[in-house]
Amino acid sequence: MAEFKRREHDRALMHRSSSFKLHRDVDYQDAHYQSWLDRLAHGQQVDPDQVICLFLTSEEYQRRFGSVITRNNSECRSR
């Protein structure tokens, strides 16, 4: 039961980050989104802080709020 809760929590985190932070519908065929789902499917742990950092430093997110890209995903560290 604990594994199920963790897996569904991580999937919800991915969906929430994509839809609320990027302000767009989730494209389940998107390579970036799919790679995270694949990690979850293989039982790999997902660090919520890293997921949020990757969304916030993505070019797509930054272009929504300005024309200058000041951050990149290399700033996000994995644990």
Protein backbone atom coordinates (compact mmCIF):
# COMPACT_ATOMS: atom_id res chain seq x y z
CA MET A 1 0.00 0.00 0.00
CA ALA A 2 2.84 2.43 0.82
CA GLU A 3 4.44 1.83 -2.58
CA PHE A 4 1.13 2.58 -4.31
CA LYS A 5 0.74 5.83 -2.36
CA ARG A 6 4.30 6.93 -3.18
CA ARG A 7 3.92 6.11 -6.87
CA GLU A 8 0.59 7.93 -7.20
CA HIS A 9 1.90 10.90 -5.21
CA ASP A 10 4.87 11.17 -7.58
CA ARG A 11 2.63 10.90 -10.66
CA ALA A 12 0.34 13.60 -9.26
CA LEU A 13 3.37 15.82 -8.62
CA MET A 14 4.40 15.48 -12.26
CA HIS A 15 0.90 16.25 -13.52
CA ARG A 16 0.44 19.19 -11.16
CA SER A 17 3.81 20.67 -12.04
CA SER A 18 3.11 20.43 -15.73
CA SER A 19 -0.41 21.81 -15.67
CA PHE A 20 -0.13 24.50 -12.99
CA LYS A 21 3.42 25.74 -13.34
CA LEU A 22 3.55 25.68 -17.14
CA HIS A 23 -0.12 26.71 -17.43
CA ARG A 24 -0.89 24.24 -20.16
CA ASP A 25 -2.62 20.94 -20.67
CA VAL A 26 -0.45 17.93 -20.10
CA ASP A 27 0.82 16.37 -23.31
CA TYR A 28 1.27 12.74 -22.33
CA GLN A 29 3.39 12.19 -25.45
CA ASP A 30 5.84 14.96 -24.54
CA ALA A 31 9.33 13.48 -24.25
CA HIS A 32 10.18 15.36 -21.04
CA TYR A 33 6.97 14.38 -19.30
CA GLN A 34 7.22 10.80 -20.54
CA SER A 35 10.80 10.42 -19.27
CA TRP A 36 9.62 11.25 -15.74
CA LEU A 37 6.75 8.80 -16.00
CA ASP A 38 9.18 6.13 -17.21
CA ARG A 39 11.37 6.73 -14.16
CA LEU A 40 8.33 6.27 -11.95
CA ALA A 41 7.28 3.12 -13.81
CA HIS A 42 10.70 1.60 -13.14
CA GLY A 43 10.45 2.33 -9.42
CA GLN A 44 13.02 5.12 -9.36
CA GLN A 45 12.62 7.72 -6.67
CA VAL A 46 11.59 11.20 -7.72
CA ASP A 47 12.87 14.17 -5.76
CA PRO A 48 10.00 16.70 -5.63
CA ASP A 49 12.43 19.61 -5.19
CA GLN A 50 14.31 18.62 -8.33
CA VAL A 51 11.08 18.25 -10.33
CA ILE A 52 9.96 21.74 -9.33
CA CYS A 53 13.41 23.18 -10.04
CA LEU A 54 13.48 21.60 -13.50
CA PHE A 55 10.09 23.10 -14.36
CA LEU A 56 11.01 26.55 -13.05
CA THR A 57 14.33 26.63 -14.91
CA SER A 58 12.88 25.27 -18.15
CA GLU A 59 13.05 27.55 -21.17
CA GLU A 60 9.32 27.09 -21.76
CA TYR A 61 8.44 28.32 -18.27
CA GLN A 62 10.77 31.32 -18.43
CA ARG A 63 9.50 32.40 -21.85
CA ARG A 64 5.97 32.52 -20.48
CA PHE A 65 6.96 35.39 -18.20
CA GLY A 66 9.66 37.21 -20.13
CA SER A 67 11.90 37.22 -23.15
CA VAL A 68 15.22 36.59 -21.38
CA ILE A 69 16.34 33.13 -20.28
CA THR A 70 18.27 33.55 -17.02
CA ARG A 71 18.31 30.00 -15.63
CA ASN A 72 18.88 26.47 -16.92
CA ASN A 73 18.29 22.93 -15.72
CA SER A 74 21.96 22.41 -14.85
CA GLU A 75 21.27 24.48 -11.71
CA CYS A 76 19.02 21.72 -10.38
CA ARG A 77 20.88 19.16 -8.35
CA SER A 78 19.72 15.62 -7.83
CA ARG A 79 20.00 13.90 -4.51
